Amino acid sequence: MLEVRLELECSICGAQHFRIPTRDEDRDIVVCARCHSVKCRADDLEWRMAQASAMRREALLAS
């Protein structure tokens, strides 16, 4: 697992650090590093972050 800080907050404890799986044998679940509550599947997080990045890029080009 890789522990990273994201621009997200845990809805349970408010932490911004999350554990993301790094190997195939790890569970495919992103969890809060502080309270260990399940946040989402790693694939869903990757898709959402790519979508947010594209939206930011479009906003910069439009301005």
PDB file of N, CA and C in Angstrom:
ATOM      1  N   MET A   1       0.840  -1.179   0.000  1.00  0.00           N
ATOM      2  CA  MET A   1       0.000   0.000   0.000  1.00  0.00           C
ATOM      3  C   MET A   1       0.886   1.243   0.000  1.00  0.00           C
ATOM      4  N   LEU A   2       0.408   2.242  -0.685  1.00  0.00           N
ATOM      5  CA  LEU A   2       1.085   3.515  -0.765  1.00  0.00           C
ATOM      6  C   LEU A   2       0.226   4.540  -0.044  1.00  0.00           C
ATOM      7  N   GLU A   3       0.816   5.289   0.874  1.00  0.00           N
ATOM      8  CA  GLU A   3       0.060   6.312   1.595  1.00  0.00           C
ATOM      9  C   GLU A   3       0.324   7.658   0.944  1.00  0.00           C
ATOM     10  N   VAL A   4      -0.746   8.330   0.508  1.00  0.00           N
ATOM     11  CA  VAL A   4      -0.620   9.603  -0.197  1.00  0.00           C
ATOM     12  C   VAL A   4      -1.615  10.621   0.347  1.00  0.00           C
ATOM     13  N   ARG A   5      -1.277  11.872   0.160  1.00  0.00           N
ATOM     14  CA  ARG A   5      -2.206  12.955   0.502  1.00  0.00           C
ATOM     15  C   ARG A   5      -2.944  13.338  -0.769  1.00  0.00           C
ATOM     16  N   LEU A   6      -4.257  13.413  -0.688  1.00  0.00           N
ATOM     17  CA  LEU A   6      -5.087  13.758  -1.835  1.00  0.00           C
ATOM     18  C   LEU A   6      -5.915  14.994  -1.521  1.00  0.00           C
ATOM     19  N   GLU A   7      -6.425  15.622  -2.547  1.00  0.00           N
ATOM     20  CA  GLU A   7      -7.326  16.760  -2.365  1.00  0.00           C
ATOM     21  C   GLU A   7      -8.730  16.253  -2.090  1.00  0.00           C
ATOM     22  N   LEU A   8      -8.836  15.355  -1.139  1.00  0.00           N
ATOM     23  CA  LEU A   8     -10.094  14.773  -0.699  1.00  0.00           C
ATOM     24  C   LEU A   8     -10.077  14.755   0.813  1.00  0.00           C
ATOM     25  N   GLU A   9     -11.228  14.675   1.425  1.00  0.00           N
ATOM     26  CA  GLU A   9     -11.306  14.524   2.873  1.00  0.00           C
ATOM     27  C   GLU A   9     -12.135  13.311   3.197  1.00  0.00           C
ATOM     28  N   CYS A  10     -11.692  12.561   4.184  1.00  0.00           N
ATOM     29  CA  CYS A  10     -12.466  11.429   4.674  1.00  0.00           C
ATOM     30  C   CYS A  10     -13.742  11.967   5.308  1.00  0.00           C
ATOM     31  N   SER A  11     -14.870  11.407   4.947  1.00  0.00           N
ATOM     32  CA  SER A  11     -16.139  11.881   5.501  1.00  0.00           C
ATOM     33  C   SER A  11     -16.342  11.452   6.947  1.00  0.00           C
ATOM     34  N   ILE A  12     -15.524  10.531   7.424  1.00  0.00           N
ATOM     35  CA  ILE A  12     -15.648  10.060   8.810  1.00  0.00           C
ATOM     36  C   ILE A  12     -14.767  10.881   9.753  1.00  0.00           C
ATOM     37  N   CYS A  13     -13.462  11.003   9.413  1.00  0.00           N
ATOM     38  CA  CYS A  13     -12.533  11.652  10.355  1.00  0.00           C
ATOM     39  C   CYS A  13     -11.904  12.943   9.826  1.00  0.00           C
ATOM     40  N   GLY A  14     -12.113  13.271   8.549  1.00  0.00           N
ATOM     41  CA  GLY A  14     -11.582  14.517   7.992  1.00  0.00           C
ATOM     42  C   GLY A  14     -10.140  14.450   7.510  1.00  0.00           C
ATOM     43  N   ALA A  15      -9.508  13.299   7.578  1.00  0.00           N
ATOM     44  CA  ALA A  15      -8.113  13.163   7.139  1.00  0.00           C
ATOM     45  C   ALA A  15      -8.008  13.321   5.627  1.00  0.00           C
ATOM     46  N   GLN A  16      -6.804  13.700   5.157  1.00  0.00           N
ATOM     47  CA  GLN A  16      -6.561  13.836   3.725  1.00  0.00           C
ATOM     48  C   GLN A  16      -5.520  12.843   3.228  1.00  0.00           C
ATOM     49  N   HIS A  17      -5.116  11.916   4.063  1.00  0.00           N
ATOM     50  CA  HIS A  17      -4.158  10.878   3.671  1.00  0.00           C
ATOM     51  C   HIS A  17      -4.903   9.561   3.465  1.00  0.00           C
ATOM     52  N   PHE A  18      -4.581   8.904   2.362  1.00  0.00           N
ATOM     53  CA  PHE A  18      -5.263   7.669   2.002  1.00  0.00           C
ATOM     54  C   PHE A  18      -4.251   6.607   1.629  1.00  0.00           C
ATOM     55  N   ARG A  19      -4.627   5.363   1.768  1.00  0.00           N
ATOM     56  CA  ARG A  19      -3.785   4.236   1.367  1.00  0.00           C
ATOM     57  C   ARG A  19      -4.330   3.664   0.071  1.00  0.00           C
ATOM     58  N   ILE A  20      -3.441   3.600  -0.923  1.00  0.00           N
ATOM     59  CA  ILE A  20      -3.806   3.124  -2.255  1.00  0.00           C
ATOM     60  C   ILE A  20      -3.042   1.834  -2.529  1.00  0.00           C
ATOM     61  N   PRO A  21      -3.715   0.805  -3.053  1.00  0.00           N
ATOM     62  CA  PRO A  21      -3.016  -0.455  -3.336  1.00  0.00           C
ATOM     63  C   PRO A  21      -1.957  -0.281  -4.418  1.00  0.00           C
ATOM     64  N   THR A  22      -0.816  -0.971  -4.255  1.00  0.00           N
ATOM     65  CA  THR A  22       0.283  -0.849  -5.222  1.00  0.00           C
ATOM     66  C   THR A  22       0.615  -2.165  -5.919  1.00  0.00           C
ATOM     67  N   ARG A  23       0.101  -3.272  -5.434  1.00  0.00           N
ATOM     68  CA  ARG A  23       0.397  -4.571  -6.048  1.00  0.00           C
ATOM     69  C   ARG A  23      -0.903  -5.315  -6.328  1.00  0.00           C
ATOM     70  N   ASP A  24      -0.810  -6.277  -7.238  1.00  0.00           N
ATOM     71  CA  ASP A  24      -1.996  -7.061  -7.598  1.00  0.00           C
ATOM     72  C   ASP A  24      -2.567  -7.822  -6.413  1.00  0.00           C
ATOM     73  N   GLU A  25      -1.686  -8.277  -5.511  1.00  0.00           N
ATOM     74  CA  GLU A  25      -2.201  -9.062  -4.395  1.00  0.00           C
ATOM     75  C   GLU A  25      -2.851  -8.206  -3.307  1.00  0.00           C
ATOM     76  N   ASP A  26      -2.618  -6.887  -3.361  1.00  0.00           N
ATOM     77  CA  ASP A  26      -3.309  -5.991  -2.423  1.00  0.00           C
ATOM     78  C   ASP A  26      -4.778  -5.896  -2.805  1.00  0.00           C
ATOM     79  N   ARG A  27      -5.589  -5.611  -1.834  1.00  0.00           N
ATOM     80  CA  ARG A  27      -7.014  -5.372  -2.138  1.00  0.00           C
ATOM     81  C   ARG A  27      -7.115  -4.146  -3.028  1.00  0.00           C
ATOM     82  N   ASP A  28      -8.075  -4.120  -3.901  1.00  0.00           N
ATOM     83  CA  ASP A  28      -8.261  -3.022  -4.854  1.00  0.00           C
ATOM     84  C   ASP A  28      -9.130  -1.921  -4.244  1.00  0.00           C
ATOM     85  N   ILE A  29      -8.897  -1.612  -2.969  1.00  0.00           N
ATOM     86  CA  ILE A  29      -9.732  -0.665  -2.239  1.00  0.00           C
ATOM     87  C   ILE A  29      -8.859   0.466  -1.680  1.00  0.00           C
ATOM     88  N   VAL A  30      -9.309   1.700  -1.862  1.00  0.00           N
ATOM     89  CA  VAL A  30      -8.651   2.864  -1.276  1.00  0.00           C
ATOM     90  C   VAL A  30      -9.270   3.093   0.093  1.00  0.00           C
ATOM     91  N   VAL A  31      -8.421   3.218   1.130  1.00  0.00           N
ATOM     92  CA  VAL A  31      -8.919   3.421   2.492  1.00  0.00           C
ATOM     93  C   VAL A  31      -8.268   4.648   3.117  1.00  0.00           C
ATOM     94  N   CYS A  32      -8.946   5.228   4.087  1.00  0.00           N
ATOM     95  CA  CYS A  32      -8.398   6.341   4.855  1.00  0.00           C
ATOM     96  C   CYS A  32      -7.219   5.836   5.672  1.00  0.00           C
ATOM     97  N   ALA A  33      -6.110   6.580   5.668  1.00  0.00           N
ATOM     98  CA  ALA A  33      -4.928   6.166   6.414  1.00  0.00           C
ATOM     99  C   ALA A  33      -5.113   6.313   7.920  1.00  0.00           C
ATOM    100  N   ARG A  34      -6.027   7.177   8.341  1.00  0.00           N
ATOM    101  CA  ARG A  34      -6.235   7.388   9.769  1.00  0.00           C
ATOM    102  C   ARG A  34      -7.265   6.428  10.362  1.00  0.00           C
ATOM    103  N   CYS A  35      -8.467   6.398   9.808  1.00  0.00           N
ATOM    104  CA  CYS A  35      -9.534   5.598  10.428  1.00  0.00           C
ATOM    105  C   CYS A  35      -9.821   4.296   9.681  1.00  0.00           C
ATOM    106  N   HIS A  36      -9.165   4.094   8.546  1.00  0.00           N
ATOM    107  CA  HIS A  36      -9.264   2.861   7.753  1.00  0.00           C
ATOM    108  C   HIS A  36     -10.644   2.625   7.146  1.00  0.00           C
ATOM    109  N   SER A  37     -11.471   3.663   7.060  1.00  0.00           N
ATOM    110  CA  SER A  37     -12.767   3.475   6.403  1.00  0.00           C
ATOM    111  C   SER A  37     -12.546   3.376   4.892  1.00  0.00           C
ATOM    112  N   VAL A  38     -13.350   2.571   4.247  1.00  0.00           N
ATOM    113  CA  VAL A  38     -13.240   2.349   2.805  1.00  0.00           C
ATOM    114  C   VAL A  38     -13.784   3.560   2.065  1.00  0.00           C
ATOM    115  N   LYS A  39     -13.039   4.059   1.114  1.00  0.00           N
ATOM    116  CA  LYS A  39     -13.455   5.236   0.350  1.00  0.00           C
ATOM    117  C   LYS A  39     -13.968   4.846  -1.029  1.00  0.00           C
ATOM    118  N   CYS A  40     -13.218   4.053  -1.781  1.00  0.00           N
ATOM    119  CA  CYS A  40     -13.639   3.678  -3.126  1.00  0.00           C
ATOM    120  C   CYS A  40     -12.707   2.603  -3.671  1.00  0.00           C
ATOM    121  N   ARG A  41     -13.011   2.137  -4.863  1.00  0.00           N
ATOM    122  CA  ARG A  41     -12.121   1.211  -5.556  1.00  0.00           C
ATOM    123  C   ARG A  41     -11.017   2.023  -6.223  1.00  0.00           C
ATOM    124  N   ALA A  42      -9.829   1.470  -6.319  1.00  0.00           N
ATOM    125  CA  ALA A  42      -8.687   2.174  -6.905  1.00  0.00           C
ATOM    126  C   ALA A  42      -8.966   2.587  -8.351  1.00  0.00           C
ATOM    127  N   ASP A  43      -9.623   1.727  -9.117  1.00  0.00           N
ATOM    128  CA  ASP A  43      -9.937   2.064 -10.513  1.00  0.00           C
ATOM    129  C   ASP A  43     -10.855   3.274 -10.603  1.00  0.00           C
ATOM    130  N   ASP A  44     -11.826   3.368  -9.699  1.00  0.00           N
ATOM    131  CA  ASP A  44     -12.747   4.507  -9.686  1.00  0.00           C
ATOM    132  C   ASP A  44     -12.005   5.792  -9.349  1.00  0.00           C
ATOM    133  N   LEU A  45     -11.081   5.717  -8.398  1.00  0.00           N
ATOM    134  CA  LEU A  45     -10.302   6.899  -8.010  1.00  0.00           C
ATOM    135  C   LEU A  45      -9.447   7.369  -9.184  1.00  0.00           C
ATOM    136  N   GLU A  46      -8.801   6.445  -9.867  1.00  0.00           N
ATOM    137  CA  GLU A  46      -7.964   6.798 -11.015  1.00  0.00           C
ATOM    138  C   GLU A  46      -8.796   7.476 -12.100  1.00  0.00           C
ATOM    139  N   TRP A  47      -9.987   6.942 -12.380  1.00  0.00           N
ATOM    140  CA  TRP A  47     -10.856   7.514 -13.399  1.00  0.00           C
ATOM    141  C   TRP A  47     -11.305   8.917 -13.007  1.00  0.00           C
ATOM    142  N   ARG A  48     -11.712   9.101 -11.752  1.00  0.00           N
ATOM    143  CA  ARG A  48     -12.174  10.419 -11.273  1.00  0.00           C
ATOM    144  C   ARG A  48     -11.047  11.450 -11.310  1.00  0.00           C
ATOM    145  N   MET A  49      -9.845  11.051 -10.919  1.00  0.00           N
ATOM    146  CA  MET A  49      -8.717  11.986 -10.922  1.00  0.00           C
ATOM    147  C   MET A  49      -8.349  12.386 -12.354  1.00  0.00           C
ATOM    148  N   ALA A  50      -8.409  11.447 -13.291  1.00  0.00           N
ATOM    149  CA  ALA A  50      -8.140  11.761 -14.694  1.00  0.00           C
ATOM    150  C   ALA A  50      -9.203  12.720 -15.228  1.00  0.00           C
ATOM    151  N   GLN A  51     -10.453  12.491 -14.847  1.00  0.00           N
ATOM    152  CA  GLN A  51     -11.547  13.364 -15.271  1.00  0.00           C
ATOM    153  C   GLN A  51     -11.361  14.776 -14.706  1.00  0.00           C
ATOM    154  N   ALA A  52     -10.991  14.889 -13.437  1.00  0.00           N
ATOM    155  CA  ALA A  52     -10.772  16.202 -12.815  1.00  0.00           C
ATOM    156  C   ALA A  52      -9.599  16.923 -13.467  1.00  0.00           C
ATOM    157  N   SER A  53      -8.553  16.187 -13.809  1.00  0.00           N
ATOM    158  CA  SER A  53      -7.397  16.776 -14.461  1.00  0.00           C
ATOM    159  C   SER A  53      -7.773  17.329 -15.836  1.00  0.00           C
ATOM    160  N   ALA A  54      -8.567  16.595 -16.569  1.00  0.00           N
ATOM    161  CA  ALA A  54      -9.016  17.059 -17.888  1.00  0.00           C
ATOM    162  C   ALA A  54      -9.876  18.310 -17.753  1.00  0.00           C
ATOM    163  N   MET A  55     -10.727  18.359 -16.741  1.00  0.00           N
ATOM    164  CA  MET A  55     -11.580  19.530 -16.523  1.00  0.00           C
ATOM    165  C   MET A  55     -10.739  20.760 -16.175  1.00  0.00           C
ATOM    166  N   ARG A  56      -9.707  20.573 -15.343  1.00  0.00           N
ATOM    167  CA  ARG A  56      -8.819  21.692 -15.004  1.00  0.00           C
ATOM    168  C   ARG A  56      -8.080  22.189 -16.243  1.00  0.00           C
ATOM    169  N   ARG A  57      -7.612  21.247 -17.060  1.00  0.00           N
ATOM    170  CA  ARG A  57      -6.885  21.606 -18.287  1.00  0.00           C
ATOM    171  C   ARG A  57      -7.787  22.404 -19.238  1.00  0.00           C
ATOM    172  N   GLU A  58      -9.037  21.971 -19.401  1.00  0.00           N
ATOM    173  CA  GLU A  58      -9.991  22.681 -20.263  1.00  0.00           C
ATOM    174  C   GLU A  58     -10.271  24.083 -19.720  1.00  0.00           C
ATOM    175  N   ALA A  59     -10.397  24.214 -18.411  1.00  0.00           N
ATOM    176  CA  ALA A  59     -10.659  25.519 -17.800  1.00  0.00           C
ATOM    177  C   ALA A  59      -9.484  26.465 -18.030  1.00  0.00           C
ATOM    178  N   LEU A  60      -8.267  25.956 -17.938  1.00  0.00           N
ATOM    179  CA  LEU A  60      -7.085  26.801 -18.176  1.00  0.00           C
ATOM    180  C   LEU A  60      -7.017  27.243 -19.630  1.00  0.00           C
ATOM    181  N   LEU A  61      -7.348  26.366 -20.551  1.00  0.00           N
ATOM    182  CA  LEU A  61      -7.317  26.717 -21.964  1.00  0.00           C
ATOM    183  C   LEU A  61      -8.414  27.711 -22.324  1.00  0.00           C
ATOM    184  N   ALA A  62      -9.542  27.638 -21.644  1.00  0.00           N
ATOM    185  CA  ALA A  62     -10.660  28.538 -21.921  1.00  0.00           C
ATOM    186  C   ALA A  62     -10.430  29.947 -21.378  1.00  0.00           C
ATOM    187  N   SER A  63      -9.567  30.071 -20.381  1.00  0.00           N
ATOM    188  CA  SER A  63      -9.367  31.408 -19.781  1.00  0.00           C
ATOM    189  C   SER A  63      -8.256  32.177 -20.413  1.00  0.00           C
TER     190      SER A  63
END
